[in-house]
């Protein structure tokens, strides 16, 4: 599904990704773990087309289509979704308005009919209930005054509504207490599908206790330094990243 080959990328002239290669088949959940500065968030931004992240070599394809040739909104319309480590606040734009606008923009880009107001509200109420989000909160400005857990649950609600083909979760567990973590993980697990892929970026094993990955990869100094099954995350929790960082240096 997602195929990354020898990917090099710079930020402000500094090379961060240094020949990263990764394959994520359809229907699988892969986790990337690594120390600060390894390039985890840079990878997520490169895949989604964030400004200021410059690809200097390599390729990234989703189901055979060149992602790097597409504008950020085109990547979103193809079904690429990024859950931010720190979700943005958008004053003056109600959460419901934001999500419906995004849904209809993507539908138009794919040549599909827009979602009607009654259908959208029905979907939104169901998604909010499953994530234990007070429906009244959806009428407030997006993420303004929300707690960390509420912001993350709002991101999962957007996923549930948009039904993306490929999810990138950038440290979704950051700032969550155990109850919020379980709710967010349940929302993510509900989206697992034979037709959908996921890339979970995290520092810690605890998230992977709830979102069980098919494969775990260690990112060190801009490259994949090791890959393995879920047990690799337990090894990292016990032993740390030192041996991978030293080998990559």
C-alpha atoms as a PDB file:
ATOM      1  CA  UNK A   1       0.000   0.000   0.000  1.00  0.00           C
ATOM      2  CA  UNK A   2       2.600   2.552   1.136  1.00  0.00           C
ATOM      3  CA  UNK A   3       6.007   2.132  -0.437  1.00  0.00           C
ATOM      4  CA  UNK A   4       8.898   4.414   0.549  1.00  0.00           C
ATOM      5  CA  UNK A   5      12.249   4.003  -1.177  1.00  0.00           C
ATOM      6  CA  UNK A   6      15.560   5.654  -0.220  1.00  0.00           C
ATOM      7  CA  UNK A   7      13.809   8.796   0.999  1.00  0.00           C
ATOM      8  CA  UNK A   8      15.987  11.813   1.785  1.00  0.00           C
ATOM      9  CA  UNK A   9      14.513  15.045   3.151  1.00  0.00           C
ATOM     10  CA  UNK A  10      15.784  18.348   4.511  1.00  0.00           C
ATOM     11  CA  UNK A  11      14.422  20.976   6.886  1.00  0.00           C
ATOM     12  CA  UNK A  12      16.027  24.431   6.712  1.00  0.00           C
ATOM     13  CA  UNK A  13      18.899  22.937   4.727  1.00  0.00           C
ATOM     14  CA  UNK A  14      19.613  20.192   7.293  1.00  0.00           C
ATOM     15  CA  UNK A  15      19.209  16.605   6.177  1.00  0.00           C
ATOM     16  CA  UNK A  16      16.843  14.727   8.513  1.00  0.00           C
ATOM     17  CA  UNK A  17      15.795  11.662   6.490  1.00  0.00           C
ATOM     18  CA  UNK A  18      18.855   9.913   5.095  1.00  0.00           C
ATOM     19  CA  UNK A  19      17.727   7.065   2.885  1.00  0.00           C
ATOM     20  CA  UNK A  20      14.607   5.760   4.624  1.00  0.00           C
ATOM     21  CA  UNK A  21      12.990   2.685   3.091  1.00  0.00           C
ATOM     22  CA  UNK A  22       9.698   1.261   4.354  1.00  0.00           C
ATOM     23  CA  UNK A  23       6.844  -0.927   3.097  1.00  0.00           C
ATOM     24  CA  UNK A  24       3.410  -1.003   4.742  1.00  0.00           C
ATOM     25  CA  UNK A  25       0.986  -3.450   3.081  1.00  0.00           C
ATOM     26  CA  UNK A  26      -2.737  -2.823   2.946  1.00  0.00           C
ATOM     27  CA  UNK A  27      -4.542  -3.974   6.072  1.00  0.00           C
ATOM     28  CA  UNK A  28      -1.512  -3.698   8.355  1.00  0.00           C
ATOM     29  CA  UNK A  29      -0.612  -1.427  11.254  1.00  0.00           C
ATOM     30  CA  UNK A  30       3.079  -0.547  11.531  1.00  0.00           C
ATOM     31  CA  UNK A  31       4.706   1.360  14.381  1.00  0.00           C
ATOM     32  CA  UNK A  32       7.800   3.533  14.196  1.00  0.00           C
ATOM     33  CA  UNK A  33       9.734   4.153  17.393  1.00  0.00           C
ATOM     34  CA  UNK A  34      12.920   6.093  17.912  1.00  0.00           C
ATOM     35  CA  UNK A  35      14.727   8.746  19.943  1.00  0.00           C
ATOM     36  CA  UNK A  36      14.067  12.475  19.687  1.00  0.00           C
ATOM     37  CA  UNK A  37      15.487  13.933  16.488  1.00  0.00           C
ATOM     38  CA  UNK A  38      15.494  10.626  14.615  1.00  0.00           C
ATOM     39  CA  UNK A  39      13.100  11.949  11.954  1.00  0.00           C
ATOM     40  CA  UNK A  40       9.775  10.440  13.007  1.00  0.00           C
ATOM     41  CA  UNK A  41       7.674  13.598  12.733  1.00  0.00           C
ATOM     42  CA  UNK A  42       9.621  14.700   9.654  1.00  0.00           C
ATOM     43  CA  UNK A  43       8.513  11.492   7.930  1.00  0.00           C
ATOM     44  CA  UNK A  44       4.868  12.223   8.741  1.00  0.00           C
ATOM     45  CA  UNK A  45       5.162  15.787   7.433  1.00  0.00           C
ATOM     46  CA  UNK A  46       6.922  14.718   4.240  1.00  0.00           C
ATOM     47  CA  UNK A  47       4.216  12.147   3.494  1.00  0.00           C
ATOM     48  CA  UNK A  48       1.443  14.701   3.982  1.00  0.00           C
ATOM     49  CA  UNK A  49       3.200  17.549   2.139  1.00  0.00           C
ATOM     50  CA  UNK A  50       3.867  20.073   4.874  1.00  0.00           C
ATOM     51  CA  UNK A  51       5.567  23.227   3.647  1.00  0.00           C
ATOM     52  CA  UNK A  52       9.254  23.590   4.526  1.00  0.00           C
ATOM     53  CA  UNK A  53      10.068  19.881   4.297  1.00  0.00           C
ATOM     54  CA  UNK A  54      12.082  19.334   1.112  1.00  0.00           C
ATOM     55  CA  UNK A  55      12.541  15.907  -0.458  1.00  0.00           C
ATOM     56  CA  UNK A  56      15.966  15.685  -2.109  1.00  0.00           C
ATOM     57  CA  UNK A  57      15.934  12.038  -3.214  1.00  0.00           C
ATOM     58  CA  UNK A  58      13.841   8.890  -3.125  1.00  0.00           C
ATOM     59  CA  UNK A  59      10.160   8.153  -3.569  1.00  0.00           C
ATOM     60  CA  UNK A  60       6.888   7.549  -1.724  1.00  0.00           C
ATOM     61  CA  UNK A  61       3.933   5.848  -3.393  1.00  0.00           C
ATOM     62  CA  UNK A  62       0.437   5.012  -2.143  1.00  0.00           C
ATOM     63  CA  UNK A  63      -1.116   2.151  -4.109  1.00  0.00           C
ATOM     64  CA  UNK A  64       1.305   2.928  -6.924  1.00  0.00           C
ATOM     65  CA  UNK A  65       0.563   6.655  -7.088  1.00  0.00           C
ATOM     66  CA  UNK A  66       3.406   9.119  -6.530  1.00  0.00           C
ATOM     67  CA  UNK A  67       2.501  10.920  -3.298  1.00  0.00           C
ATOM     68  CA  UNK A  68       5.332  13.417  -3.616  1.00  0.00           C
ATOM     69  CA  UNK A  69       3.909  14.719  -6.903  1.00  0.00           C
ATOM     70  CA  UNK A  70       0.607  15.658  -5.238  1.00  0.00           C
ATOM     71  CA  UNK A  71      -0.321  18.848  -3.364  1.00  0.00           C
ATOM     72  CA  UNK A  72      -1.296  18.403   0.322  1.00  0.00           C
ATOM     73  CA  UNK A  73      -5.026  18.706  -0.421  1.00  0.00           C
ATOM     74  CA  UNK A  74      -4.709  16.116  -3.193  1.00  0.00           C
ATOM     75  CA  UNK A  75      -3.020  13.712  -0.792  1.00  0.00           C
ATOM     76  CA  UNK A  76      -5.865  14.247   1.672  1.00  0.00           C
ATOM     77  CA  UNK A  77      -8.407  13.575  -1.071  1.00  0.00           C
ATOM     78  CA  UNK A  78      -6.601  10.313  -1.847  1.00  0.00           C
ATOM     79  CA  UNK A  79      -7.221   9.330   1.771  1.00  0.00           C
ATOM     80  CA  UNK A  80      -4.008  10.248   3.605  1.00  0.00           C
ATOM     81  CA  UNK A  81      -4.740  11.492   7.134  1.00  0.00           C
ATOM     82  CA  UNK A  82      -2.327  12.862   9.733  1.00  0.00           C
ATOM     83  CA  UNK A  83      -3.246  12.947  13.410  1.00  0.00           C
ATOM     84  CA  UNK A  84      -1.084  15.686  14.907  1.00  0.00           C
ATOM     85  CA  UNK A  85       0.957  15.399  18.075  1.00  0.00           C
ATOM     86  CA  UNK A  86      -0.349  18.866  19.000  1.00  0.00           C
ATOM     87  CA  UNK A  87      -3.723  19.474  17.257  1.00  0.00           C
ATOM     88  CA  UNK A  88      -4.237  23.069  16.165  1.00  0.00           C
ATOM     89  CA  UNK A  89      -6.878  25.390  17.551  1.00  0.00           C
ATOM     90  CA  UNK A  90      -9.023  27.231  14.990  1.00  0.00           C
ATOM     91  CA  UNK A  91     -10.899  30.092  16.687  1.00  0.00           C
ATOM     92  CA  UNK A  92     -14.213  31.046  15.111  1.00  0.00           C
ATOM     93  CA  UNK A  93     -14.710  27.747  13.236  1.00  0.00           C
ATOM     94  CA  UNK A  94     -17.049  25.258  14.877  1.00  0.00           C
ATOM     95  CA  UNK A  95     -15.790  21.674  14.969  1.00  0.00           C
ATOM     96  CA  UNK A  96     -18.900  20.452  13.113  1.00  0.00           C
ATOM     97  CA  UNK A  97     -18.394  23.048  10.386  1.00  0.00           C
ATOM     98  CA  UNK A  98     -14.728  22.150  10.032  1.00  0.00           C
ATOM     99  CA  UNK A  99     -15.375  18.411   9.687  1.00  0.00           C
ATOM    100  CA  UNK A 100     -18.280  18.764   7.257  1.00  0.00           C
ATOM    101  CA  UNK A 101     -16.285  21.203   5.104  1.00  0.00           C
ATOM    102  CA  UNK A 102     -13.381  18.747   4.996  1.00  0.00           C
ATOM    103  CA  UNK A 103     -15.669  15.823   4.139  1.00  0.00           C
ATOM    104  CA  UNK A 104     -17.344  17.652   1.284  1.00  0.00           C
ATOM    105  CA  UNK A 105     -14.087  19.039  -0.087  1.00  0.00           C
ATOM    106  CA  UNK A 106     -12.680  15.524  -0.284  1.00  0.00           C
ATOM    107  CA  UNK A 107     -15.878  14.171  -1.805  1.00  0.00           C
ATOM    108  CA  UNK A 108     -15.858  16.858  -4.497  1.00  0.00           C
ATOM    109  CA  UNK A 109     -12.222  16.115  -5.280  1.00  0.00           C
ATOM    110  CA  UNK A 110     -13.128  12.444  -5.784  1.00  0.00           C
ATOM    111  CA  UNK A 111     -16.196  13.254  -7.856  1.00  0.00           C
ATOM    112  CA  UNK A 112     -18.581  12.043  -5.147  1.00  0.00           C
ATOM    113  CA  UNK A 113     -21.808  13.757  -3.983  1.00  0.00           C
ATOM    114  CA  UNK A 114     -21.585  15.958  -0.897  1.00  0.00           C
ATOM    115  CA  UNK A 115     -22.943  14.687   2.401  1.00  0.00           C
ATOM    116  CA  UNK A 116     -26.315  16.195   3.307  1.00  0.00           C
ATOM    117  CA  UNK A 117     -26.781  18.035   6.590  1.00  0.00           C
ATOM    118  CA  UNK A 118     -29.086  15.375   8.121  1.00  0.00           C
ATOM    119  CA  UNK A 119     -26.767  12.536   7.107  1.00  0.00           C
ATOM    120  CA  UNK A 120     -23.731  14.388   8.427  1.00  0.00           C
ATOM    121  CA  UNK A 121     -25.335  15.133  11.799  1.00  0.00           C
ATOM    122  CA  UNK A 122     -26.380  11.490  12.178  1.00  0.00           C
ATOM    123  CA  UNK A 123     -22.790  10.352  11.503  1.00  0.00           C
ATOM    124  CA  UNK A 124     -21.373  12.995  13.842  1.00  0.00           C
ATOM    125  CA  UNK A 125     -23.654  12.043  16.738  1.00  0.00           C
ATOM    126  CA  UNK A 126     -22.751   8.359  16.373  1.00  0.00           C
ATOM    127  CA  UNK A 127     -19.007   9.083  16.210  1.00  0.00           C
ATOM    128  CA  UNK A 128     -19.178  11.422  19.212  1.00  0.00           C
ATOM    129  CA  UNK A 129     -21.053   8.843  21.290  1.00  0.00           C
ATOM    130  CA  UNK A 130     -18.520   6.107  20.507  1.00  0.00           C
ATOM    131  CA  UNK A 131     -15.645   8.368  21.584  1.00  0.00           C
ATOM    132  CA  UNK A 132     -17.455   9.702  24.674  1.00  0.00           C
ATOM    133  CA  UNK A 133     -17.433  13.235  23.290  1.00  0.00           C
ATOM    134  CA  UNK A 134     -20.180  15.579  24.486  1.00  0.00           C
ATOM    135  CA  UNK A 135     -22.057  16.466  21.295  1.00  0.00           C
ATOM    136  CA  UNK A 136     -22.341  20.078  22.474  1.00  0.00           C
ATOM    137  CA  UNK A 137     -18.546  20.277  22.325  1.00  0.00           C
ATOM    138  CA  UNK A 138     -18.739  19.838  18.549  1.00  0.00           C
ATOM    139  CA  UNK A 139     -20.538  23.158  18.315  1.00  0.00           C
ATOM    140  CA  UNK A 140     -17.576  24.995  19.859  1.00  0.00           C
ATOM    141  CA  UNK A 141     -14.586  26.402  17.987  1.00  0.00           C
ATOM    142  CA  UNK A 142     -12.291  23.557  16.935  1.00  0.00           C
ATOM    143  CA  UNK A 143      -9.983  22.562  19.808  1.00  0.00           C
ATOM    144  CA  UNK A 144     -10.304  25.971  21.515  1.00  0.00           C
ATOM    145  CA  UNK A 145     -10.349  25.365  25.262  1.00  0.00           C
ATOM    146  CA  UNK A 146     -10.241  21.592  24.776  1.00  0.00           C
ATOM    147  CA  UNK A 147      -8.136  19.445  27.078  1.00  0.00           C
ATOM    148  CA  UNK A 148      -5.343  17.335  25.602  1.00  0.00           C
ATOM    149  CA  UNK A 149      -7.541  14.257  25.686  1.00  0.00           C
ATOM    150  CA  UNK A 150     -10.461  16.085  24.066  1.00  0.00           C
ATOM    151  CA  UNK A 151      -8.221  17.303  21.255  1.00  0.00           C
ATOM    152  CA  UNK A 152      -6.995  13.790  20.547  1.00  0.00           C
ATOM    153  CA  UNK A 153     -10.512  12.385  20.628  1.00  0.00           C
ATOM    154  CA  UNK A 154     -11.547  15.103  18.190  1.00  0.00           C
ATOM    155  CA  UNK A 155      -8.807  13.908  15.835  1.00  0.00           C
ATOM    156  CA  UNK A 156     -10.128  10.346  16.055  1.00  0.00           C
ATOM    157  CA  UNK A 157     -13.656  11.633  15.389  1.00  0.00           C
ATOM    158  CA  UNK A 158     -12.356  13.278  12.222  1.00  0.00           C
ATOM    159  CA  UNK A 159     -10.845   9.959  11.169  1.00  0.00           C
ATOM    160  CA  UNK A 160     -14.127   8.170  11.799  1.00  0.00           C
ATOM    161  CA  UNK A 161     -16.004  10.739   9.728  1.00  0.00           C
ATOM    162  CA  UNK A 162     -13.514  11.024   6.853  1.00  0.00           C
ATOM    163  CA  UNK A 163     -12.730   7.290   6.628  1.00  0.00           C
ATOM    164  CA  UNK A 164      -9.212   7.764   5.202  1.00  0.00           C
ATOM    165  CA  UNK A 165      -7.349   4.994   3.386  1.00  0.00           C
ATOM    166  CA  UNK A 166      -4.054   5.546   5.182  1.00  0.00           C
ATOM    167  CA  UNK A 167      -3.661   6.899   8.724  1.00  0.00           C
ATOM    168  CA  UNK A 168      -0.528   8.464  10.184  1.00  0.00           C
ATOM    169  CA  UNK A 169      -0.693   8.877  13.960  1.00  0.00           C
ATOM    170  CA  UNK A 170       2.079  11.163  15.187  1.00  0.00           C
ATOM    171  CA  UNK A 171       2.528  10.529  18.928  1.00  0.00           C
ATOM    172  CA  UNK A 172      -1.199  10.342  19.509  1.00  0.00           C
ATOM    173  CA  UNK A 173      -0.528   9.191  23.074  1.00  0.00           C
ATOM    174  CA  UNK A 174       1.252  12.449  23.977  1.00  0.00           C
ATOM    175  CA  UNK A 175      -0.382  14.088  27.006  1.00  0.00           C
ATOM    176  CA  UNK A 176      -3.080  11.441  27.496  1.00  0.00           C
ATOM    177  CA  UNK A 177      -4.002   9.883  30.806  1.00  0.00           C
ATOM    178  CA  UNK A 178      -4.784   6.171  30.847  1.00  0.00           C
ATOM    179  CA  UNK A 179      -8.556   6.584  30.423  1.00  0.00           C
ATOM    180  CA  UNK A 180      -8.204   8.941  27.464  1.00  0.00           C
ATOM    181  CA  UNK A 181      -5.560   6.668  25.948  1.00  0.00           C
ATOM    182  CA  UNK A 182      -7.932   3.693  26.042  1.00  0.00           C
ATOM    183  CA  UNK A 183     -10.745   5.690  24.424  1.00  0.00           C
ATOM    184  CA  UNK A 184      -8.475   6.993  21.659  1.00  0.00           C
ATOM    185  CA  UNK A 185      -7.003   3.530  21.063  1.00  0.00           C
ATOM    186  CA  UNK A 186     -10.477   2.006  20.820  1.00  0.00           C
ATOM    187  CA  UNK A 187     -11.372   4.628  18.212  1.00  0.00           C
ATOM    188  CA  UNK A 188      -8.258   3.832  16.209  1.00  0.00           C
ATOM    189  CA  UNK A 189      -8.799   0.077  16.451  1.00  0.00           C
ATOM    190  CA  UNK A 190     -12.356   0.498  15.181  1.00  0.00           C
ATOM    191  CA  UNK A 191     -10.847   1.843  11.951  1.00  0.00           C
ATOM    192  CA  UNK A 192      -8.654  -1.197  11.324  1.00  0.00           C
ATOM    193  CA  UNK A 193      -9.635  -2.717   8.005  1.00  0.00           C
ATOM    194  CA  UNK A 194      -8.238  -5.016   5.293  1.00  0.00           C
ATOM    195  CA  UNK A 195      -8.447  -2.000   2.966  1.00  0.00           C
ATOM    196  CA  UNK A 196      -6.728   0.514   5.267  1.00  0.00           C
ATOM    197  CA  UNK A 197      -3.127   0.946   6.422  1.00  0.00           C
ATOM    198  CA  UNK A 198      -1.789   2.734   9.497  1.00  0.00           C
ATOM    199  CA  UNK A 199       1.548   4.143  10.594  1.00  0.00           C
ATOM    200  CA  UNK A 200       1.765   4.740  14.343  1.00  0.00           C
ATOM    201  CA  UNK A 201       4.618   6.985  15.514  1.00  0.00           C
ATOM    202  CA  UNK A 202       5.411   6.799  19.214  1.00  0.00           C
ATOM    203  CA  UNK A 203       8.183   6.972  21.792  1.00  0.00           C
ATOM    204  CA  UNK A 204       6.651   4.500  24.196  1.00  0.00           C
ATOM    205  CA  UNK A 205       5.457   0.917  24.350  1.00  0.00           C
ATOM    206  CA  UNK A 206       2.303   1.804  26.324  1.00  0.00           C
ATOM    207  CA  UNK A 207       0.355   2.934  23.229  1.00  0.00           C
ATOM    208  CA  UNK A 208       1.184  -0.358  21.507  1.00  0.00           C
ATOM    209  CA  UNK A 209      -0.433  -2.258  24.356  1.00  0.00           C
ATOM    210  CA  UNK A 210      -3.733  -0.894  23.026  1.00  0.00           C
ATOM    211  CA  UNK A 211      -3.028  -0.453  19.306  1.00  0.00           C
ATOM    212  CA  UNK A 212      -1.339  -3.754  18.531  1.00  0.00           C
ATOM    213  CA  UNK A 213       0.985  -3.351  15.523  1.00  0.00           C
ATOM    214  CA  UNK A 214       1.786  -5.982  12.928  1.00  0.00           C
ATOM    215  CA  UNK A 215       5.341  -4.676  12.614  1.00  0.00           C
ATOM    216  CA  UNK A 216       7.594  -2.357  14.626  1.00  0.00           C
ATOM    217  CA  UNK A 217      10.433  -0.332  13.094  1.00  0.00           C
ATOM    218  CA  UNK A 218      13.250   1.562  14.811  1.00  0.00           C
ATOM    219  CA  UNK A 219      14.101   4.918  13.229  1.00  0.00           C
ATOM    220  CA  UNK A 220      17.571   6.239  14.064  1.00  0.00           C
ATOM    221  CA  UNK A 221      19.455   9.062  12.378  1.00  0.00           C
ATOM    222  CA  UNK A 222      17.009   9.271   9.491  1.00  0.00           C
ATOM    223  CA  UNK A 223      16.975   5.588   8.549  1.00  0.00           C
ATOM    224  CA  UNK A 224      15.171   2.417   9.559  1.00  0.00           C
ATOM    225  CA  UNK A 225      17.731   0.747  11.806  1.00  0.00           C
ATOM    226  CA  UNK A 226      15.757  -2.400  12.689  1.00  0.00           C
ATOM    227  CA  UNK A 227      12.386  -4.046  12.104  1.00  0.00           C
ATOM    228  CA  UNK A 228      10.530  -6.817  13.870  1.00  0.00           C
ATOM    229  CA  UNK A 229       7.285  -7.962  15.402  1.00  0.00           C
ATOM    230  CA  UNK A 230       5.476  -6.403  18.375  1.00  0.00           C
ATOM    231  CA  UNK A 231       8.088  -7.884  20.700  1.00  0.00           C
ATOM    232  CA  UNK A 232      10.629  -5.372  19.363  1.00  0.00           C
ATOM    233  CA  UNK A 233       8.743  -2.591  21.154  1.00  0.00           C
ATOM    234  CA  UNK A 234       9.150  -4.477  24.434  1.00  0.00           C
ATOM    235  CA  UNK A 235      12.879  -4.794  23.803  1.00  0.00           C
ATOM    236  CA  UNK A 236      13.102  -1.039  23.188  1.00  0.00           C
ATOM    237  CA  UNK A 237      11.182  -0.321  26.382  1.00  0.00           C
ATOM    238  CA  UNK A 238      13.673  -2.439  28.294  1.00  0.00           C
ATOM    239  CA  UNK A 239      16.958  -1.587  26.549  1.00  0.00           C
ATOM    240  CA  UNK A 240      16.381   1.873  25.014  1.00  0.00           C
ATOM    241  CA  UNK A 241      17.651   3.175  21.674  1.00  0.00           C
ATOM    242  CA  UNK A 242      21.353   3.563  22.414  1.00  0.00           C
ATOM    243  CA  UNK A 243      22.610   0.631  20.383  1.00  0.00           C
ATOM    244  CA  UNK A 244      20.617   1.732  17.323  1.00  0.00           C
ATOM    245  CA  UNK A 245      21.675   5.376  17.650  1.00  0.00           C
ATOM    246  CA  UNK A 246      25.341   4.344  17.946  1.00  0.00           C
ATOM    247  CA  UNK A 247      25.093   2.017  14.948  1.00  0.00           C
ATOM    248  CA  UNK A 248      23.477   4.751  12.841  1.00  0.00           C
ATOM    249  CA  UNK A 249      26.038   7.404  13.815  1.00  0.00           C
END
